[in-house]
N, C-alpha and C. Protein backbone atom coordinates (compact mmCIF):
# COMPACT_ATOMS: atom_id res chain seq x y z
N MET A 1 -22.38 -8.44 10.63
CA MET A 1 -21.01 -8.75 10.24
C MET A 1 -20.05 -7.94 11.10
N ARG A 2 -19.04 -8.60 11.66
CA ARG A 2 -18.10 -7.87 12.50
C ARG A 2 -17.28 -6.93 11.66
N LYS A 3 -16.78 -5.87 12.29
CA LYS A 3 -15.93 -4.92 11.57
C LYS A 3 -14.62 -5.60 11.20
N ILE A 4 -14.18 -5.32 9.99
CA ILE A 4 -12.94 -5.90 9.50
C ILE A 4 -12.07 -4.77 9.00
N ALA A 5 -10.86 -4.64 9.51
CA ALA A 5 -9.95 -3.63 9.01
C ALA A 5 -9.64 -3.93 7.56
N SER A 6 -9.49 -2.86 6.74
CA SER A 6 -9.36 -3.03 5.30
C SER A 6 -7.96 -3.44 4.89
N ILE A 7 -7.72 -3.41 3.58
CA ILE A 7 -6.52 -4.00 2.99
C ILE A 7 -5.23 -3.41 3.52
N LEU A 8 -5.23 -2.14 3.96
CA LEU A 8 -3.96 -1.58 4.40
C LEU A 8 -3.46 -2.27 5.66
N MET A 9 -4.36 -2.82 6.49
CA MET A 9 -3.91 -3.56 7.65
C MET A 9 -3.26 -4.87 7.22
N MET A 10 -3.47 -5.26 5.97
CA MET A 10 -2.86 -6.46 5.42
C MET A 10 -1.97 -6.04 4.25
N LEU A 11 -1.26 -4.97 4.43
CA LEU A 11 -0.59 -4.28 3.33
C LEU A 11 0.30 -5.20 2.52
N PHE A 12 0.90 -6.17 3.17
CA PHE A 12 1.86 -6.98 2.46
C PHE A 12 1.32 -8.35 2.09
N MET A 13 -0.01 -8.54 2.22
CA MET A 13 -0.64 -9.68 1.60
C MET A 13 -0.77 -9.36 0.12
N VAL A 14 -0.45 -10.31 -0.75
CA VAL A 14 -0.34 -10.00 -2.16
C VAL A 14 -1.12 -11.00 -2.99
N CYS A 15 -1.38 -10.64 -4.25
CA CYS A 15 -2.19 -11.49 -5.11
C CYS A 15 -1.39 -11.99 -6.29
N SER A 16 -1.79 -13.20 -6.76
CA SER A 16 -1.12 -13.78 -7.91
C SER A 16 -1.52 -13.01 -9.16
N CYS A 17 -0.59 -12.97 -10.13
CA CYS A 17 -0.84 -12.20 -11.34
C CYS A 17 0.04 -12.72 -12.45
N SER A 18 -0.48 -12.85 -13.65
CA SER A 18 0.34 -13.17 -14.80
C SER A 18 0.52 -11.91 -15.61
N SER A 19 1.77 -11.56 -15.95
CA SER A 19 2.08 -10.31 -16.62
C SER A 19 2.12 -10.50 -18.12
N ASN A 20 1.73 -9.46 -18.84
CA ASN A 20 1.82 -9.41 -20.28
C ASN A 20 3.17 -8.83 -20.66
N ASP A 21 3.97 -9.56 -21.45
CA ASP A 21 5.32 -9.11 -21.77
C ASP A 21 5.33 -7.83 -22.58
N ASN A 22 4.20 -7.44 -23.17
CA ASN A 22 4.15 -6.21 -23.95
C ASN A 22 3.91 -4.98 -23.10
N GLU A 23 3.59 -5.17 -21.82
CA GLU A 23 3.34 -4.04 -20.93
C GLU A 23 4.66 -3.45 -20.47
N THR A 24 4.70 -2.16 -20.27
CA THR A 24 5.91 -1.49 -19.80
C THR A 24 5.56 -0.59 -18.64
N THR A 25 6.53 -0.30 -17.80
CA THR A 25 6.30 0.61 -16.69
C THR A 25 6.28 2.04 -17.18
N GLU A 26 5.74 2.95 -16.34
CA GLU A 26 5.68 4.36 -16.72
C GLU A 26 7.07 4.96 -16.82
N SER A 27 8.00 4.49 -16.01
CA SER A 27 9.38 4.98 -16.07
C SER A 27 10.29 3.81 -15.80
N ASP A 28 11.60 4.05 -15.89
CA ASP A 28 12.55 2.99 -15.62
C ASP A 28 12.59 2.61 -14.15
N ASN A 29 12.09 3.48 -13.27
CA ASN A 29 12.16 3.20 -11.84
C ASN A 29 10.95 3.78 -11.13
N PHE A 30 9.77 3.37 -11.54
CA PHE A 30 8.54 3.91 -10.97
C PHE A 30 8.51 3.72 -9.46
N TYR A 31 8.94 2.55 -8.98
CA TYR A 31 8.83 2.22 -7.57
C TYR A 31 10.03 2.69 -6.74
N ALA A 32 10.89 3.51 -7.34
CA ALA A 32 12.05 4.06 -6.62
C ALA A 32 12.89 2.94 -6.01
N LEU A 33 13.18 1.93 -6.81
CA LEU A 33 13.93 0.77 -6.34
C LEU A 33 15.42 1.05 -6.44
N THR A 34 15.94 1.70 -5.41
CA THR A 34 17.36 2.02 -5.33
C THR A 34 17.81 1.81 -3.90
N GLU A 35 18.89 1.07 -3.74
CA GLU A 35 19.42 0.83 -2.40
C GLU A 35 19.75 2.15 -1.73
N GLY A 36 19.34 2.31 -0.48
CA GLY A 36 19.56 3.54 0.27
C GLY A 36 18.36 4.46 0.32
N ASN A 37 17.36 4.24 -0.53
CA ASN A 37 16.16 5.07 -0.48
C ASN A 37 15.45 4.87 0.87
N PHE A 38 14.86 5.96 1.36
CA PHE A 38 14.31 5.96 2.72
C PHE A 38 13.06 6.81 2.76
N TRP A 39 12.03 6.29 3.46
CA TRP A 39 10.77 7.02 3.63
C TRP A 39 10.36 6.97 5.10
N GLU A 40 9.79 8.08 5.57
CA GLU A 40 9.28 8.13 6.94
C GLU A 40 7.82 8.57 6.91
N TYR A 41 6.96 7.82 7.60
CA TYR A 41 5.53 8.07 7.61
C TYR A 41 5.02 8.28 9.03
N LYS A 42 3.90 8.99 9.12
CA LYS A 42 3.18 9.14 10.39
C LYS A 42 1.73 8.77 10.16
N TYR A 43 1.12 8.13 11.17
CA TYR A 43 -0.28 7.74 11.10
C TYR A 43 -1.17 8.80 11.73
N TYR A 44 -2.30 9.05 11.09
CA TYR A 44 -3.31 10.01 11.54
C TYR A 44 -4.64 9.29 11.67
N VAL A 45 -5.39 9.60 12.74
CA VAL A 45 -6.70 8.99 12.98
C VAL A 45 -7.76 10.08 13.03
N LYS A 46 -8.91 9.82 12.42
CA LYS A 46 -9.97 10.83 12.34
C LYS A 46 -10.70 10.98 13.67
N ASP A 47 -10.85 12.22 14.10
CA ASP A 47 -11.69 12.57 15.25
C ASP A 47 -13.14 12.61 14.75
N ASN A 48 -13.96 11.72 15.25
CA ASN A 48 -15.34 11.62 14.75
C ASN A 48 -16.20 12.83 15.07
N THR A 49 -15.77 13.63 16.03
CA THR A 49 -16.52 14.84 16.37
C THR A 49 -16.25 15.96 15.38
N THR A 50 -14.97 16.14 15.02
CA THR A 50 -14.58 17.24 14.13
C THR A 50 -14.35 16.80 12.69
N ASN A 51 -14.24 15.47 12.48
CA ASN A 51 -13.88 14.91 11.17
C ASN A 51 -12.50 15.35 10.70
N ILE A 52 -11.66 15.75 11.63
CA ILE A 52 -10.28 16.14 11.33
C ILE A 52 -9.36 14.97 11.67
N PHE A 53 -8.38 14.73 10.81
CA PHE A 53 -7.41 13.68 11.07
C PHE A 53 -6.31 14.24 11.98
N GLU A 54 -6.19 13.62 13.14
CA GLU A 54 -5.22 14.06 14.14
C GLU A 54 -4.00 13.15 14.13
N ALA A 55 -2.82 13.75 14.29
CA ALA A 55 -1.58 12.98 14.31
C ALA A 55 -1.52 12.08 15.53
N THR A 56 -1.06 10.85 15.34
CA THR A 56 -0.81 9.93 16.44
C THR A 56 0.70 9.87 16.70
N THR A 57 1.09 9.04 17.64
CA THR A 57 2.51 8.83 17.92
C THR A 57 3.10 7.70 17.07
N VAL A 58 2.27 7.10 16.24
CA VAL A 58 2.71 5.93 15.47
C VAL A 58 3.43 6.37 14.21
N THR A 59 4.65 5.88 14.03
CA THR A 59 5.45 6.17 12.85
C THR A 59 5.85 4.87 12.17
N GLU A 60 6.18 4.99 10.90
CA GLU A 60 6.69 3.84 10.14
C GLU A 60 7.82 4.32 9.23
N THR A 61 8.97 3.69 9.33
CA THR A 61 10.07 3.98 8.43
C THR A 61 10.24 2.82 7.46
N VAL A 62 10.61 3.16 6.23
CA VAL A 62 10.86 2.16 5.19
C VAL A 62 12.21 2.46 4.58
N ASN A 63 13.06 1.45 4.53
CA ASN A 63 14.42 1.64 4.03
C ASN A 63 14.77 0.49 3.09
N ILE A 64 15.26 0.81 1.88
CA ILE A 64 15.77 -0.25 1.00
C ILE A 64 17.21 -0.52 1.42
N THR A 65 17.41 -1.63 2.10
CA THR A 65 18.69 -1.88 2.76
C THR A 65 19.72 -2.56 1.88
N HIS A 66 19.27 -3.45 0.97
CA HIS A 66 20.21 -4.18 0.13
C HIS A 66 19.45 -4.87 -0.99
N THR A 67 20.20 -5.45 -1.92
CA THR A 67 19.61 -6.23 -3.00
C THR A 67 20.07 -7.68 -2.90
N ALA A 68 19.32 -8.55 -3.56
CA ALA A 68 19.70 -9.96 -3.61
C ALA A 68 19.22 -10.54 -4.93
N GLU A 69 20.03 -11.43 -5.50
CA GLU A 69 19.63 -12.09 -6.74
C GLU A 69 18.90 -13.39 -6.39
N ILE A 70 17.67 -13.52 -6.90
CA ILE A 70 16.85 -14.69 -6.65
C ILE A 70 16.39 -15.23 -8.00
N GLU A 71 16.84 -16.41 -8.34
CA GLU A 71 16.49 -17.07 -9.61
C GLU A 71 16.72 -16.13 -10.79
N GLY A 72 17.86 -15.44 -10.79
CA GLY A 72 18.26 -14.60 -11.91
C GLY A 72 17.68 -13.21 -11.92
N ASN A 73 16.87 -12.84 -10.93
CA ASN A 73 16.27 -11.50 -10.85
C ASN A 73 16.77 -10.77 -9.61
N ILE A 74 16.95 -9.45 -9.73
CA ILE A 74 17.40 -8.63 -8.61
C ILE A 74 16.21 -8.15 -7.81
N TYR A 75 16.20 -8.46 -6.53
CA TYR A 75 15.16 -8.01 -5.60
C TYR A 75 15.73 -7.00 -4.62
N TYR A 76 14.85 -6.14 -4.12
CA TYR A 76 15.24 -5.07 -3.20
C TYR A 76 14.58 -5.34 -1.85
N ASN A 77 15.38 -5.30 -0.79
CA ASN A 77 14.84 -5.56 0.54
C ASN A 77 14.28 -4.27 1.15
N PHE A 78 12.96 -4.28 1.41
CA PHE A 78 12.28 -3.17 2.08
C PHE A 78 12.17 -3.50 3.56
N LYS A 79 12.86 -2.75 4.39
CA LYS A 79 12.77 -2.93 5.84
C LYS A 79 11.79 -1.91 6.41
N HIS A 80 10.70 -2.41 7.00
CA HIS A 80 9.66 -1.57 7.61
C HIS A 80 9.79 -1.66 9.12
N ILE A 81 9.83 -0.52 9.78
CA ILE A 81 9.85 -0.49 11.24
C ILE A 81 8.73 0.42 11.72
N VAL A 82 7.78 -0.16 12.46
CA VAL A 82 6.69 0.60 13.09
C VAL A 82 7.06 0.83 14.54
N ALA A 83 6.90 2.07 15.00
CA ALA A 83 7.22 2.43 16.38
C ALA A 83 6.18 3.42 16.90
N GLY A 84 6.13 3.57 18.23
CA GLY A 84 5.29 4.57 18.85
C GLY A 84 3.85 4.17 19.09
N ASN A 85 3.50 2.89 18.82
CA ASN A 85 2.13 2.45 19.04
C ASN A 85 2.00 1.94 20.47
N ASP A 86 1.32 2.72 21.31
CA ASP A 86 1.16 2.38 22.72
C ASP A 86 -0.22 1.82 23.02
N GLY A 87 -0.81 1.14 22.04
CA GLY A 87 -2.09 0.49 22.31
C GLY A 87 -3.21 0.83 21.35
N ILE A 88 -2.91 1.47 20.21
CA ILE A 88 -3.93 1.77 19.21
C ILE A 88 -4.12 0.52 18.36
N THR A 89 -5.12 -0.26 18.67
CA THR A 89 -5.26 -1.59 18.07
C THR A 89 -5.57 -1.55 16.58
N VAL A 90 -6.18 -0.47 16.10
CA VAL A 90 -6.57 -0.41 14.69
C VAL A 90 -5.41 0.00 13.78
N LEU A 91 -4.27 0.34 14.36
CA LEU A 91 -3.09 0.70 13.57
C LEU A 91 -2.05 -0.40 13.67
N PRO A 92 -1.10 -0.44 12.73
CA PRO A 92 -0.06 -1.47 12.79
C PRO A 92 0.68 -1.44 14.12
N GLN A 93 1.06 -2.62 14.59
CA GLN A 93 1.74 -2.74 15.86
C GLN A 93 3.25 -2.57 15.69
N ASN A 94 3.93 -2.22 16.78
CA ASN A 94 5.37 -2.00 16.74
C ASN A 94 6.10 -3.25 16.27
N GLY A 95 7.17 -3.04 15.51
CA GLY A 95 7.96 -4.18 15.08
C GLY A 95 8.61 -3.93 13.73
N GLU A 96 9.42 -4.90 13.31
CA GLU A 96 10.16 -4.82 12.04
C GLU A 96 9.71 -5.95 11.11
N HIS A 97 9.55 -5.60 9.84
CA HIS A 97 9.23 -6.58 8.81
C HIS A 97 10.07 -6.28 7.57
N ASN A 98 10.55 -7.33 6.90
CA ASN A 98 11.36 -7.19 5.70
C ASN A 98 10.69 -7.90 4.54
N PHE A 99 10.74 -7.27 3.35
CA PHE A 99 10.09 -7.80 2.17
C PHE A 99 11.01 -7.64 0.97
N MET A 100 11.19 -8.72 0.21
CA MET A 100 11.99 -8.69 -1.00
C MET A 100 11.07 -8.47 -2.19
N LEU A 101 11.26 -7.36 -2.91
CA LEU A 101 10.36 -6.95 -3.97
C LEU A 101 11.13 -6.51 -5.21
N ARG A 102 10.47 -6.58 -6.37
CA ARG A 102 11.04 -6.06 -7.61
C ARG A 102 9.93 -5.58 -8.52
N ASP A 103 10.29 -4.83 -9.55
CA ASP A 103 9.35 -4.36 -10.57
C ASP A 103 9.37 -5.37 -11.71
N SER A 104 8.20 -5.92 -12.02
CA SER A 104 8.06 -6.83 -13.15
C SER A 104 7.00 -6.28 -14.09
N LEU A 105 7.45 -5.56 -15.12
CA LEU A 105 6.56 -5.02 -16.14
C LEU A 105 5.42 -4.20 -15.55
N GLY A 106 5.75 -3.43 -14.52
CA GLY A 106 4.76 -2.54 -13.93
C GLY A 106 4.12 -3.04 -12.66
N TYR A 107 4.38 -4.29 -12.28
CA TYR A 107 3.88 -4.84 -11.03
C TYR A 107 4.99 -4.86 -9.99
N LEU A 108 4.69 -4.43 -8.79
CA LEU A 108 5.61 -4.60 -7.68
C LEU A 108 5.33 -5.97 -7.08
N ILE A 109 6.29 -6.89 -7.26
CA ILE A 109 6.04 -8.29 -6.90
C ILE A 109 7.07 -8.80 -5.91
N ASP A 110 6.73 -9.90 -5.24
CA ASP A 110 7.69 -10.57 -4.36
C ASP A 110 8.33 -11.74 -5.10
N GLN A 111 9.15 -12.50 -4.39
CA GLN A 111 9.89 -13.57 -5.05
C GLN A 111 9.02 -14.75 -5.44
N MET A 112 7.75 -14.76 -5.01
CA MET A 112 6.81 -15.80 -5.41
C MET A 112 6.03 -15.40 -6.66
N GLY A 113 6.31 -14.22 -7.21
CA GLY A 113 5.61 -13.75 -8.38
C GLY A 113 4.26 -13.14 -8.09
N LYS A 114 4.03 -12.76 -6.83
CA LYS A 114 2.76 -12.16 -6.41
C LYS A 114 2.94 -10.66 -6.25
N ILE A 115 1.86 -9.92 -6.43
CA ILE A 115 1.98 -8.46 -6.49
C ILE A 115 1.33 -7.77 -5.30
N ASN A 116 1.80 -6.52 -5.03
CA ASN A 116 1.07 -5.66 -4.10
C ASN A 116 0.80 -4.29 -4.69
N TYR A 117 1.13 -4.09 -5.99
CA TYR A 117 0.79 -2.83 -6.65
C TYR A 117 0.88 -3.01 -8.15
N SER A 118 0.08 -2.25 -8.88
CA SER A 118 0.12 -2.23 -10.34
C SER A 118 0.18 -0.79 -10.80
N ASN A 119 1.05 -0.49 -11.79
CA ASN A 119 1.09 0.89 -12.28
C ASN A 119 0.64 1.04 -13.73
N ASN A 120 0.20 -0.06 -14.37
CA ASN A 120 -0.27 0.11 -15.76
C ASN A 120 -1.37 -0.86 -16.18
N ASN A 121 -1.76 -1.77 -15.33
CA ASN A 121 -2.83 -2.71 -15.67
C ASN A 121 -4.08 -2.32 -14.89
N TYR A 122 -5.18 -2.05 -15.62
CA TYR A 122 -6.39 -1.52 -15.00
C TYR A 122 -7.42 -2.60 -14.68
N ASP A 123 -7.03 -3.87 -14.84
CA ASP A 123 -7.93 -4.96 -14.47
C ASP A 123 -8.01 -5.08 -12.95
N GLU A 124 -9.11 -5.66 -12.49
CA GLU A 124 -9.23 -5.97 -11.06
C GLU A 124 -8.46 -7.24 -10.75
N HIS A 125 -7.73 -7.24 -9.64
CA HIS A 125 -6.94 -8.40 -9.23
C HIS A 125 -7.39 -8.90 -7.87
N PHE A 126 -7.57 -10.21 -7.77
CA PHE A 126 -7.82 -10.85 -6.47
C PHE A 126 -6.55 -10.76 -5.63
N VAL A 127 -6.70 -10.40 -4.34
CA VAL A 127 -5.56 -10.31 -3.45
C VAL A 127 -5.50 -11.51 -2.53
N SER A 128 -6.55 -11.71 -1.72
CA SER A 128 -6.53 -12.80 -0.75
C SER A 128 -7.90 -12.95 -0.14
N HIS A 129 -8.21 -14.17 0.34
CA HIS A 129 -9.38 -14.35 1.18
C HIS A 129 -9.10 -13.76 2.55
N ILE A 130 -10.12 -13.16 3.18
CA ILE A 130 -9.96 -12.57 4.50
C ILE A 130 -9.74 -13.64 5.55
N ASP A 131 -10.51 -14.73 5.46
CA ASP A 131 -10.33 -15.83 6.40
C ASP A 131 -10.86 -17.10 5.76
N ASP A 132 -10.79 -18.20 6.48
CA ASP A 132 -11.22 -19.49 5.95
C ASP A 132 -12.70 -19.78 6.16
N ILE A 133 -13.42 -18.82 6.76
CA ILE A 133 -14.83 -19.05 7.07
C ILE A 133 -15.73 -18.30 6.09
N SER A 134 -15.52 -16.99 5.98
CA SER A 134 -16.42 -16.19 5.17
C SER A 134 -16.09 -16.24 3.68
N PHE A 135 -14.82 -16.41 3.35
CA PHE A 135 -14.33 -16.39 1.98
C PHE A 135 -14.59 -15.05 1.30
N ASN A 136 -14.87 -14.00 2.10
CA ASN A 136 -14.82 -12.66 1.53
C ASN A 136 -13.39 -12.41 1.04
N SER A 137 -13.24 -11.60 0.01
CA SER A 137 -11.93 -11.45 -0.59
C SER A 137 -11.51 -9.99 -0.68
N TYR A 138 -10.21 -9.76 -0.55
CA TYR A 138 -9.60 -8.47 -0.86
C TYR A 138 -9.30 -8.44 -2.36
N ASN A 139 -9.48 -7.29 -2.97
CA ASN A 139 -9.17 -7.10 -4.38
C ASN A 139 -8.53 -5.72 -4.56
N LEU A 140 -7.79 -5.56 -5.66
CA LEU A 140 -7.22 -4.25 -5.96
C LEU A 140 -7.46 -3.90 -7.42
N LYS A 141 -7.49 -2.61 -7.69
CA LYS A 141 -7.68 -2.12 -9.06
C LYS A 141 -7.04 -0.75 -9.20
N LEU A 142 -6.25 -0.58 -10.25
CA LEU A 142 -5.63 0.71 -10.53
C LEU A 142 -6.67 1.70 -11.04
N SER A 143 -6.72 2.88 -10.44
CA SER A 143 -7.65 3.92 -10.87
C SER A 143 -7.24 4.46 -12.23
N ASN A 144 -8.23 4.88 -13.02
CA ASN A 144 -7.97 5.47 -14.33
C ASN A 144 -7.45 6.90 -14.23
N ASP A 145 -7.62 7.52 -13.08
CA ASP A 145 -7.29 8.93 -12.92
C ASP A 145 -5.98 9.13 -12.17
N GLU A 146 -5.24 10.16 -12.54
CA GLU A 146 -4.09 10.59 -11.76
C GLU A 146 -4.59 11.57 -10.70
N ASP A 147 -4.12 11.40 -9.46
CA ASP A 147 -4.58 12.23 -8.35
C ASP A 147 -3.45 13.12 -7.86
N VAL A 148 -3.80 14.33 -7.46
CA VAL A 148 -2.84 15.23 -6.82
C VAL A 148 -3.01 15.10 -5.32
N VAL A 149 -1.97 14.67 -4.64
CA VAL A 149 -1.97 14.55 -3.18
C VAL A 149 -1.11 15.68 -2.62
N THR A 150 -1.71 16.50 -1.77
CA THR A 150 -1.00 17.63 -1.18
C THR A 150 -0.72 17.34 0.29
N LEU A 151 0.56 17.37 0.65
CA LEU A 151 0.98 17.19 2.04
C LEU A 151 1.54 18.50 2.55
N GLU A 152 1.14 18.86 3.75
CA GLU A 152 1.45 20.18 4.29
C GLU A 152 2.94 20.51 4.24
N ASN A 153 3.78 19.56 4.61
CA ASN A 153 5.21 19.86 4.70
C ASN A 153 6.00 19.58 3.43
N LEU A 154 5.35 18.87 2.47
CA LEU A 154 6.10 18.41 1.30
C LEU A 154 5.55 18.91 -0.02
N GLY A 155 4.35 19.49 -0.04
CA GLY A 155 3.80 20.02 -1.28
C GLY A 155 2.96 19.00 -2.04
N ASP A 156 2.93 19.18 -3.38
CA ASP A 156 2.06 18.38 -4.24
C ASP A 156 2.80 17.18 -4.82
N PHE A 157 2.07 16.06 -4.91
CA PHE A 157 2.56 14.86 -5.57
C PHE A 157 1.51 14.41 -6.59
N TYR A 158 1.97 13.97 -7.75
CA TYR A 158 1.08 13.56 -8.83
C TYR A 158 1.11 12.03 -8.88
N CYS A 159 0.03 11.42 -8.40
CA CYS A 159 0.07 10.02 -8.01
C CYS A 159 -0.87 9.13 -8.81
N LEU A 160 -0.45 7.87 -8.97
CA LEU A 160 -1.37 6.80 -9.32
C LEU A 160 -2.00 6.29 -8.03
N ASP A 161 -3.18 5.68 -8.18
CA ASP A 161 -3.95 5.25 -7.01
C ASP A 161 -4.44 3.83 -7.22
N ASN A 162 -3.97 2.90 -6.40
CA ASN A 162 -4.54 1.55 -6.39
C ASN A 162 -5.66 1.51 -5.37
N HIS A 163 -6.85 1.10 -5.81
CA HIS A 163 -8.00 0.92 -4.92
C HIS A 163 -7.94 -0.49 -4.34
N TYR A 164 -8.17 -0.61 -3.03
CA TYR A 164 -8.25 -1.91 -2.35
C TYR A 164 -9.64 -2.01 -1.72
N PHE A 165 -10.33 -3.11 -1.98
CA PHE A 165 -11.71 -3.24 -1.50
C PHE A 165 -12.03 -4.70 -1.26
N ILE A 166 -13.21 -4.93 -0.68
CA ILE A 166 -13.64 -6.26 -0.28
C ILE A 166 -14.88 -6.67 -1.06
N ARG A 167 -14.89 -7.91 -1.54
CA ARG A 167 -16.09 -8.50 -2.12
C ARG A 167 -16.55 -9.65 -1.23
N ASP A 168 -17.87 -9.77 -1.08
CA ASP A 168 -18.38 -10.89 -0.28
C ASP A 168 -18.40 -12.15 -1.12
N VAL A 169 -18.87 -13.24 -0.52
CA VAL A 169 -18.82 -14.53 -1.18
C VAL A 169 -19.67 -14.56 -2.46
N ASN A 170 -20.63 -13.64 -2.57
CA ASN A 170 -21.46 -13.55 -3.77
C ASN A 170 -20.92 -12.59 -4.82
N GLY A 171 -19.75 -12.00 -4.52
CA GLY A 171 -19.14 -11.09 -5.48
C GLY A 171 -19.54 -9.65 -5.33
N ASN A 172 -20.36 -9.33 -4.31
CA ASN A 172 -20.79 -7.96 -4.09
C ASN A 172 -19.69 -7.16 -3.41
N GLN A 173 -19.43 -5.94 -3.92
CA GLN A 173 -18.41 -5.10 -3.32
C GLN A 173 -18.96 -4.42 -2.07
N LEU A 174 -18.20 -4.50 -0.97
CA LEU A 174 -18.61 -3.85 0.27
C LEU A 174 -18.28 -2.36 0.22
N ASN A 175 -18.69 -1.64 1.25
CA ASN A 175 -18.66 -0.17 1.20
C ASN A 175 -17.26 0.43 1.12
N SER A 176 -16.32 -0.15 1.83
CA SER A 176 -15.02 0.52 1.97
C SER A 176 -14.19 0.43 0.70
N ILE A 177 -13.46 1.51 0.41
CA ILE A 177 -12.42 1.51 -0.60
C ILE A 177 -11.21 2.19 0.00
N ASP A 178 -10.11 1.47 0.10
CA ASP A 178 -8.86 2.08 0.55
C ASP A 178 -8.00 2.45 -0.64
N HIS A 179 -7.06 3.34 -0.40
CA HIS A 179 -6.24 3.89 -1.48
C HIS A 179 -4.77 3.83 -1.08
N ILE A 180 -3.92 3.50 -2.04
CA ILE A 180 -2.49 3.67 -1.87
C ILE A 180 -2.00 4.51 -3.05
N TYR A 181 -1.53 5.71 -2.73
CA TYR A 181 -1.08 6.66 -3.74
C TYR A 181 0.45 6.59 -3.87
N ARG A 182 0.93 6.45 -5.09
CA ARG A 182 2.37 6.45 -5.36
C ARG A 182 2.67 7.43 -6.49
N GLU A 183 3.77 8.18 -6.34
CA GLU A 183 4.24 9.02 -7.43
C GLU A 183 5.40 8.34 -8.13
N ASP A 184 5.44 8.49 -9.45
CA ASP A 184 6.49 7.91 -10.26
C ASP A 184 7.86 8.33 -9.75
N GLY A 185 8.67 7.36 -9.35
CA GLY A 185 10.03 7.63 -8.90
C GLY A 185 10.16 8.13 -7.48
N LYS A 186 9.03 8.33 -6.78
CA LYS A 186 9.07 8.85 -5.40
C LYS A 186 8.62 7.81 -4.38
N GLY A 187 7.86 6.80 -4.81
CA GLY A 187 7.39 5.79 -3.86
C GLY A 187 6.00 6.10 -3.33
N GLU A 188 5.66 5.44 -2.20
CA GLU A 188 4.34 5.60 -1.59
C GLU A 188 4.23 6.94 -0.89
N ILE A 189 3.14 7.66 -1.18
CA ILE A 189 2.94 9.01 -0.64
C ILE A 189 1.88 9.02 0.46
N LEU A 190 0.78 8.35 0.23
CA LEU A 190 -0.35 8.37 1.17
C LEU A 190 -1.13 7.08 1.04
N SER A 191 -1.57 6.54 2.19
CA SER A 191 -2.44 5.36 2.21
C SER A 191 -3.56 5.61 3.20
N THR A 192 -4.69 4.93 2.97
CA THR A 192 -5.84 5.08 3.87
C THR A 192 -6.20 3.73 4.47
N LEU A 193 -6.90 3.78 5.62
CA LEU A 193 -7.42 2.59 6.29
C LEU A 193 -8.89 2.80 6.58
N SER A 194 -9.68 1.75 6.38
CA SER A 194 -11.11 1.85 6.67
C SER A 194 -11.65 0.52 7.13
N TYR A 195 -12.92 0.52 7.58
CA TYR A 195 -13.62 -0.69 7.93
C TYR A 195 -14.49 -1.13 6.75
N ALA A 196 -14.70 -2.44 6.64
CA ALA A 196 -15.44 -2.98 5.51
C ALA A 196 -16.84 -2.39 5.39
N SER A 197 -17.47 -2.08 6.52
CA SER A 197 -18.86 -1.65 6.52
C SER A 197 -19.03 -0.14 6.34
N GLN A 198 -17.93 0.60 6.29
CA GLN A 198 -18.01 2.07 6.25
C GLN A 198 -17.34 2.61 4.99
N SER A 199 -17.99 3.59 4.37
CA SER A 199 -17.46 4.15 3.13
C SER A 199 -16.33 5.14 3.37
N ALA A 200 -16.31 5.78 4.54
CA ALA A 200 -15.27 6.76 4.85
C ALA A 200 -14.14 6.10 5.63
N HIS A 201 -12.90 6.44 5.30
CA HIS A 201 -11.78 5.84 6.02
C HIS A 201 -11.56 6.53 7.36
N PHE A 202 -10.95 5.77 8.30
CA PHE A 202 -10.77 6.28 9.66
C PHE A 202 -9.32 6.67 9.96
N ALA A 203 -8.38 6.32 9.09
CA ALA A 203 -6.98 6.64 9.37
C ALA A 203 -6.21 6.82 8.07
N GLU A 204 -5.10 7.53 8.15
CA GLU A 204 -4.22 7.74 7.01
C GLU A 204 -2.77 7.54 7.42
N LYS A 205 -1.98 7.03 6.49
CA LYS A 205 -0.53 6.97 6.66
C LYS A 205 0.07 7.96 5.67
N ARG A 206 0.69 9.03 6.18
CA ARG A 206 1.17 10.12 5.34
C ARG A 206 2.69 10.19 5.34
N LEU A 207 3.24 10.46 4.16
CA LEU A 207 4.67 10.65 4.05
C LEU A 207 5.09 11.92 4.78
N GLU A 208 6.12 11.82 5.62
CA GLU A 208 6.62 12.96 6.38
C GLU A 208 7.98 13.44 5.87
N ALA A 209 8.81 12.50 5.40
CA ALA A 209 10.15 12.83 4.91
C ALA A 209 10.63 11.68 4.05
N TYR A 210 11.54 11.97 3.12
CA TYR A 210 12.08 10.90 2.28
C TYR A 210 13.42 11.31 1.71
N THR A 211 14.20 10.30 1.34
CA THR A 211 15.49 10.49 0.69
C THR A 211 15.55 9.54 -0.49
N ILE A 212 15.66 10.09 -1.68
CA ILE A 212 15.71 9.30 -2.92
C ILE A 212 17.09 9.46 -3.54
N GLN A 213 17.76 8.34 -3.80
CA GLN A 213 19.09 8.38 -4.41
C GLN A 213 18.99 8.73 -5.89
């Protein structure tokens, strides 16, 4: 089986989900949905000789630029800009992408009602088929545990963790598990990237700076 980059390379592919109206978010603004909020990330790649994650030149900024009302709901525009990638094929390529998202009873969803994160539902969710040939699928599941993520320049963050993983056509889970860590009211803190065939991840996207209104 050829190597397949894990769910973080498809970060904004999302899965359908029906929400339970009795579910509530952990806070009024778990996803830090406020116009003007800003996050800056740097990508790190593991040196296979030392097993140390080394900083690359690849950065990603995320800015909530404006809101828009869509079918009676307020959505927040997330503008992502990746820069500094001079040929690292396993990391996101340079460019800008915009996504309209909102919090719906604990799910971060787009205007089609599809999700890319859950903060209170512990069921496994189908995300997407990888391609039209293998029908292997991406799936996500909220971890039962709260994790402490420590970043050298920013200190400790107390995070929820969505696991992203691949199941083959027979439903068997493959080796890789990627993680997206978010702290209540602070946004995304750390994400990992891995290959489907390997249990250890090869890259991380780490928060470097942020501004929360």
